[in-house]
Amino acid sequence: MEETPEKLERLNVPALDEILGKAFKVLDDGFVRLVDYMGSDSSIVQAARVSYGKGTKKIHEDRGLIRYLIRHRHSTPFEMCELKLHVRVPMDTWRQWIRHRMANVNEYSTRYSVAIDSSQTTSESEWRLQSGGNRQGSEGYFPIEQGRLLSEAEKKFHDDAVKLYQDRLELGVAREQARKDLPLSTYTEAYWKVDLHNLLHFLALRMDDHAQLEIRNFAKTIGNEIVSKWCPLAWEAFLDYRVNASGLTRIEKEIITAFNKQGKEKAIQKAIEFGLLNEDLTQAKKSRERDELEEKFEDLGFTIPWK
């Protein structure tokens, strides 16, 4: 005898339903838009309590549990929430994006279809200088006059690349080969489905100030425009305990403790012992680990002992 199945209603988040299909513009011609989602803050709570009911009716209890889960890195309940995005993104930015191997992806294929006739352009005020201290980063901008020349050269290059591609197609060259000289600034599109646990990891890395500006813009759009509305309690905890938090290594803890309990000289001695400083403080020593510790000293409002 068959049991009558329990009638379940699909969970929905009104704030997300309002933006389904809405394209949030990123860069000059990119976008992010939500096409589907599953779960909400209550799904996280339900999974954590291994309960088929709706759980507590007190929002502060749900908030406290979600904050506990993120604080102590209990990730599985966050896998109960998923969303699917449609993104339009430059290929060079997409190469960084697709390195995160924790989502289901289906990308626009230029083997089957003609390439998207759009490339990311850079305005005369947006050309960035290479960072002197970070080989993979940038700092500062070129003067407008130089930026104007760079933008003009960029436009000519894009126009020439598109013409070359179109000429090949008109001659009958196979699409899979005709595309090979398209610039990495060419836009591609993809559907990207990911659970909340992996999405938050992606956002923690790509919203960071050390991430490349272009992908940072996409990550901030996903976080601020979509995730904040989808799971506001999880988003709040994520900002408090991941994005705006600071962790300490064993070495950092020992140096800060020495500084707090025994003073500046003891902290310097500890830093020398750990290889972060030269014994002769007048001789500068390169140390990324020390640079990171100095950032934390400043973030905590402390004076840096050796400066």
Protein backbone atom coordinates (compact mmCIF):
# COMPACT_ATOMS: atom_id res chain seq x y z
CA MET A 1 0.00 0.00 0.00
CA GLU A 2 1.43 3.33 -1.08
CA GLU A 3 1.77 6.04 1.50
CA THR A 4 0.40 9.44 0.62
CA PRO A 5 3.41 11.63 -0.08
CA GLU A 6 3.92 14.62 2.13
CA LYS A 7 2.89 17.76 0.31
CA LEU A 8 5.78 20.15 0.25
CA GLU A 9 5.86 23.71 -0.95
CA ARG A 10 8.88 24.97 -2.82
CA LEU A 11 10.80 27.41 -0.67
CA ASN A 12 11.08 30.84 -2.18
CA VAL A 13 12.81 34.09 -1.29
CA PRO A 14 10.69 37.07 -2.42
CA ALA A 15 13.70 39.39 -2.60
CA LEU A 16 15.34 37.00 -5.06
CA ASP A 17 12.19 36.41 -7.08
CA GLU A 18 12.14 40.14 -7.76
CA ILE A 19 15.56 40.05 -9.43
CA LEU A 20 15.29 36.73 -11.31
CA GLY A 21 16.57 37.38 -14.82
CA LYS A 22 17.75 40.92 -14.05
CA ALA A 23 21.16 41.63 -15.57
CA PHE A 24 23.50 43.50 -13.21
CA LYS A 25 26.02 45.31 -15.36
CA VAL A 26 29.71 44.69 -14.68
CA LEU A 27 32.57 46.36 -16.58
CA ASP A 28 31.62 47.92 -19.93
CA ASP A 29 29.59 45.07 -21.44
CA GLY A 30 29.54 42.26 -18.89
CA PHE A 31 26.76 41.20 -16.58
CA VAL A 32 25.66 38.79 -13.89
CA ARG A 33 22.07 37.60 -13.67
CA LEU A 34 20.32 35.07 -11.46
CA VAL A 35 18.36 32.44 -13.37
CA ASP A 36 17.48 29.96 -10.58
CA TYR A 37 18.08 29.19 -6.92
CA MET A 38 17.38 26.59 -4.24
CA GLY A 39 17.27 27.06 -0.49
CA SER A 40 17.66 29.99 1.88
CA ASP A 41 18.90 30.75 5.40
CA SER A 42 16.21 28.40 6.73
CA SER A 43 17.63 25.55 4.61
CA ILE A 44 20.99 25.99 6.33
CA VAL A 45 19.34 25.87 9.76
CA GLN A 46 17.22 22.87 8.80
CA ALA A 47 20.23 20.90 7.60
CA ALA A 48 22.27 21.78 10.67
CA ARG A 49 19.52 20.49 12.94
CA VAL A 50 18.88 17.41 10.77
CA SER A 51 15.20 18.21 10.95
CA TYR A 52 12.38 18.03 8.44
CA GLY A 53 10.49 20.76 10.18
CA LYS A 54 10.92 24.47 9.77
CA GLY A 55 13.05 24.70 12.87
CA THR A 56 12.88 27.51 15.36
CA LYS A 57 10.50 30.37 14.72
CA LYS A 58 12.80 32.78 16.49
CA ILE A 59 14.96 34.57 13.96
CA HIS A 60 17.65 35.35 16.53
CA GLU A 61 18.12 31.62 17.16
CA ASP A 62 18.53 30.93 13.45
CA ARG A 63 20.98 33.83 13.21
CA GLY A 64 22.98 32.54 16.17
CA LEU A 65 23.23 29.05 14.68
CA ILE A 66 24.31 30.30 11.26
CA ARG A 67 26.93 32.55 12.83
CA TYR A 68 28.20 29.60 14.89
CA LEU A 69 28.46 27.44 11.76
CA ILE A 70 30.49 29.99 9.83
CA ARG A 71 32.61 30.91 12.83
CA HIS A 72 33.61 27.28 13.36
CA ARG A 73 33.80 26.41 9.64
CA HIS A 74 31.00 23.86 9.58
CA SER A 75 30.47 23.91 5.83
CA THR A 76 28.04 21.09 4.96
CA PRO A 77 24.77 22.90 5.86
CA PHE A 78 25.68 25.66 3.40
CA GLU A 79 25.83 23.09 0.60
CA MET A 80 22.03 22.78 0.88
CA CYS A 81 21.69 26.13 -0.92
CA GLU A 82 22.45 26.53 -4.61
CA LEU A 83 22.10 29.21 -7.22
CA LYS A 84 22.57 29.32 -10.98
CA LEU A 85 23.98 32.40 -12.62
CA HIS A 86 24.22 33.50 -16.22
CA VAL A 87 27.40 35.55 -16.62
CA ARG A 88 28.97 37.53 -19.44
CA VAL A 89 32.65 38.05 -18.73
CA PRO A 90 35.91 38.77 -20.62
CA MET A 91 37.90 35.64 -21.38
CA ASP A 92 40.95 36.70 -19.39
CA THR A 93 38.78 37.23 -16.31
CA TRP A 94 36.94 33.98 -17.00
CA ARG A 95 40.27 32.11 -16.91
CA GLN A 96 40.67 33.17 -13.27
CA TRP A 97 37.02 32.41 -12.52
CA ILE A 98 37.07 28.89 -13.95
CA ARG A 99 40.08 27.96 -11.79
CA HIS A 100 37.56 27.52 -8.95
CA ARG A 101 36.71 23.88 -9.61
CA MET A 102 33.64 23.61 -7.44
CA ALA A 103 30.73 24.48 -9.71
CA ASN A 104 28.76 23.11 -12.66
CA VAL A 105 29.60 25.09 -15.79
CA ASN A 106 28.33 25.29 -19.34
CA GLU A 107 30.09 27.92 -21.48
CA TYR A 108 29.25 29.50 -24.82
CA SER A 109 31.19 27.59 -27.49
CA THR A 110 32.95 29.37 -30.32
CA ARG A 111 33.38 26.01 -32.04
CA TYR A 112 29.62 25.80 -32.61
CA SER A 113 28.70 29.49 -32.70
CA VAL A 114 30.22 32.72 -33.93
CA ALA A 115 32.17 34.50 -31.18
CA ILE A 116 30.37 37.22 -29.23
CA ASP A 117 31.04 40.49 -31.03
CA SER A 118 32.14 42.41 -27.96
CA SER A 119 35.44 42.98 -26.19
CA GLN A 120 36.19 44.63 -22.89
CA THR A 121 37.53 48.12 -23.46
CA THR A 122 39.57 50.26 -21.12
CA SER A 123 38.85 53.96 -20.75
CA GLU A 124 41.72 56.44 -20.76
CA SER A 125 41.47 56.83 -16.97
CA GLU A 126 41.50 53.09 -16.15
CA TRP A 127 44.99 51.94 -17.22
CA ARG A 128 46.72 50.66 -14.11
CA LEU A 129 50.43 50.61 -13.25
CA GLN A 130 52.22 47.44 -12.25
CA SER A 131 52.65 47.14 -8.48
CA GLY A 132 56.23 47.38 -7.28
CA GLY A 133 55.69 45.03 -4.34
CA ASN A 134 53.19 42.57 -5.79
CA ARG A 135 54.18 40.91 -9.05
CA GLN A 136 50.60 39.89 -9.80
CA GLY A 137 48.93 43.15 -8.82
CA SER A 138 48.59 46.80 -9.76
CA GLU A 139 48.72 50.14 -7.99
CA GLY A 140 47.92 53.59 -9.26
CA TYR A 141 46.94 54.77 -12.75
CA PHE A 142 48.62 56.17 -15.83
CA PRO A 143 48.18 59.89 -16.58
CA ILE A 144 45.16 60.59 -18.81
CA GLU A 145 47.39 61.57 -21.75
CA GLN A 146 49.13 58.20 -21.78
CA GLY A 147 45.88 56.42 -21.07
CA ARG A 148 44.30 58.03 -24.13
CA LEU A 149 47.07 56.64 -26.36
CA LEU A 150 46.69 53.19 -24.81
CA SER A 151 42.92 53.22 -25.36
CA GLU A 152 43.32 54.31 -28.99
CA ALA A 153 45.81 51.50 -29.63
CA GLU A 154 43.48 49.04 -27.90
CA LYS A 155 40.56 50.03 -30.15
CA LYS A 156 42.66 49.59 -33.30
CA PHE A 157 43.83 46.17 -32.13
CA HIS A 158 40.26 45.05 -31.36
CA ASP A 159 39.00 46.29 -34.71
CA ASP A 160 41.80 44.51 -36.58
CA ALA A 161 41.25 41.26 -34.65
CA VAL A 162 37.50 41.28 -35.32
CA LYS A 163 38.05 41.99 -39.04
CA LEU A 164 40.58 39.16 -39.29
CA TYR A 165 38.12 36.80 -37.60
CA GLN A 166 35.20 37.87 -39.80
CA ASP A 167 37.31 37.59 -42.96
CA ARG A 168 38.24 34.01 -42.05
CA LEU A 169 34.61 33.07 -41.46
CA GLU A 170 33.56 34.57 -44.81
CA LEU A 171 36.29 32.55 -46.56
CA GLY A 172 34.86 29.40 -44.96
CA VAL A 173 37.56 28.77 -42.35
CA ALA A 174 36.24 26.46 -39.62
CA ARG A 175 34.96 28.39 -36.60
CA GLU A 176 37.18 26.34 -34.28
CA GLN A 177 40.25 27.62 -36.14
CA ALA A 178 39.08 31.09 -37.15
CA ARG A 179 38.79 32.03 -33.46
CA LYS A 180 42.40 31.34 -32.52
CA ASP A 181 43.62 34.95 -32.73
CA LEU A 182 40.74 36.57 -30.90
CA PRO A 183 42.01 38.65 -27.95
CA LEU A 184 41.41 37.58 -24.36
CA SER A 185 39.32 40.72 -23.93
CA THR A 186 36.58 39.03 -26.01
CA TYR A 187 33.46 38.41 -23.93
CA THR A 188 32.21 34.90 -23.30
CA GLU A 189 29.05 33.72 -21.56
CA ALA A 190 28.36 30.81 -19.25
CA TYR A 191 25.87 29.29 -16.87
CA TRP A 192 27.49 28.73 -13.48
CA LYS A 193 25.72 26.69 -10.78
CA VAL A 194 27.29 26.57 -7.34
CA ASP A 195 26.36 25.81 -3.74
CA LEU A 196 26.61 28.47 -1.06
CA HIS A 197 29.61 26.95 0.72
CA ASN A 198 31.76 27.03 -2.41
CA LEU A 199 30.34 30.37 -3.50
CA LEU A 200 31.38 32.00 -0.22
CA HIS A 201 34.88 30.58 -0.65
CA PHE A 202 35.00 32.04 -4.17
CA LEU A 203 33.78 35.42 -2.92
CA ALA A 204 36.23 35.49 0.00
CA LEU A 205 39.12 35.16 -2.47
CA ARG A 206 37.78 37.29 -5.31
CA MET A 207 36.35 40.16 -3.27
CA ASP A 208 39.69 40.57 -1.53
CA ASP A 209 41.68 43.73 -2.27
CA HIS A 210 44.52 41.56 -3.61
CA ALA A 211 42.31 40.07 -6.34
CA GLN A 212 42.38 41.55 -9.84
CA LEU A 213 40.02 44.50 -10.13
CA GLU A 214 37.93 43.03 -12.97
CA ILE A 215 37.02 39.79 -11.22
CA ARG A 216 36.63 41.71 -7.96
CA ASN A 217 33.88 43.74 -9.61
CA PHE A 218 32.05 40.55 -10.61
CA ALA A 219 32.46 39.02 -7.14
CA LYS A 220 31.19 42.13 -5.36
CA THR A 221 28.17 42.26 -7.67
CA ILE A 222 27.31 38.63 -6.93
CA GLY A 223 27.72 39.17 -3.20
CA ASN A 224 26.07 42.56 -2.76
CA GLU A 225 23.27 42.22 -5.30
CA ILE A 226 22.36 38.52 -5.01
CA VAL A 227 23.76 36.65 -2.00
CA SER A 228 22.89 39.45 0.45
CA LYS A 229 19.23 39.14 -0.60
CA TRP A 230 19.23 35.34 -0.86
CA CYS A 231 20.70 34.39 2.54
CA PRO A 232 21.03 37.63 4.54
CA LEU A 233 21.92 35.91 7.82
CA ALA A 234 24.68 33.85 6.20
CA TRP A 235 25.89 36.92 4.30
CA GLU A 236 26.09 38.97 7.50
CA ALA A 237 28.08 36.24 9.25
CA PHE A 238 30.33 35.81 6.21
CA LEU A 239 31.21 39.51 6.24
CA ASP A 240 31.83 39.47 10.00
CA TYR A 241 33.90 36.29 10.20
CA ARG A 242 35.59 36.05 6.80
CA VAL A 243 35.69 39.27 4.79
CA ASN A 244 36.19 41.76 7.63
CA ALA A 245 37.99 39.41 10.01
CA SER A 246 41.68 38.80 10.55
CA GLY A 247 43.31 35.51 11.57
CA LEU A 248 46.59 35.16 13.44
CA THR A 249 49.32 32.58 12.84
CA ARG A 250 51.28 31.05 15.73
CA ILE A 251 54.23 33.33 14.96
CA GLU A 252 52.01 36.42 14.84
CA LYS A 253 50.36 35.50 18.12
CA GLU A 254 53.73 35.09 19.85
CA ILE A 255 55.02 38.43 18.58
CA ILE A 256 51.84 40.31 19.49
CA THR A 257 51.73 38.64 22.92
CA ALA A 258 55.37 39.57 23.53
CA PHE A 259 54.63 43.15 22.51
CA ASN A 260 51.60 43.33 24.78
CA LYS A 261 53.18 41.73 27.86
CA GLN A 262 56.88 42.59 27.60
CA GLY A 263 57.10 45.56 25.30
CA LYS A 264 58.62 46.67 22.02
CA GLU A 265 62.12 45.18 22.45
CA LYS A 266 60.79 41.70 23.21
CA ALA A 267 58.54 41.84 20.14
CA ILE A 268 61.51 42.82 17.97
CA GLN A 269 63.57 39.99 19.45
CA LYS A 270 60.80 37.50 18.62
CA ALA A 271 60.55 38.82 15.06
CA ILE A 272 64.31 38.36 14.63
CA GLU A 273 64.12 34.81 16.05
CA PHE A 274 61.40 33.95 13.54
CA GLY A 275 63.41 35.36 10.65
CA LEU A 276 61.13 38.30 9.93
CA LEU A 277 63.79 40.92 10.69
CA ASN A 278 67.57 41.26 10.43
CA GLU A 279 69.42 41.66 13.71
CA ASP A 280 70.68 44.96 12.34
CA LEU A 281 67.37 46.80 11.96
CA THR A 282 68.97 49.35 9.66
CA GLN A 283 69.38 46.58 7.08
CA ALA A 284 66.02 46.07 5.41
CA LYS A 285 64.92 42.48 4.91
CA LYS A 286 62.22 41.44 2.48
CA SER A 287 59.54 39.37 4.18
CA ARG A 288 55.99 38.97 2.92
CA GLU A 289 55.10 37.33 6.22
CA ARG A 290 56.30 40.42 8.12
CA ASP A 291 54.40 42.69 5.72
CA GLU A 292 51.20 40.76 6.48
CA LEU A 293 51.86 40.99 10.23
CA GLU A 294 52.40 44.75 9.94
CA GLU A 295 49.02 45.07 8.20
CA LYS A 296 47.42 43.25 11.14
CA PHE A 297 49.21 45.49 13.67
CA GLU A 298 47.80 48.53 11.89
CA ASP A 299 44.35 46.96 11.54
CA LEU A 300 44.28 46.34 15.30
CA GLY A 301 45.38 49.90 16.04
CA PHE A 302 48.85 48.90 17.34
CA THR A 303 52.12 50.64 16.69
CA ILE A 304 54.49 48.46 14.67
CA PRO A 305 57.32 47.73 17.17
CA TRP A 306 60.24 47.95 14.71
CA LYS A 307 59.08 51.14 12.99
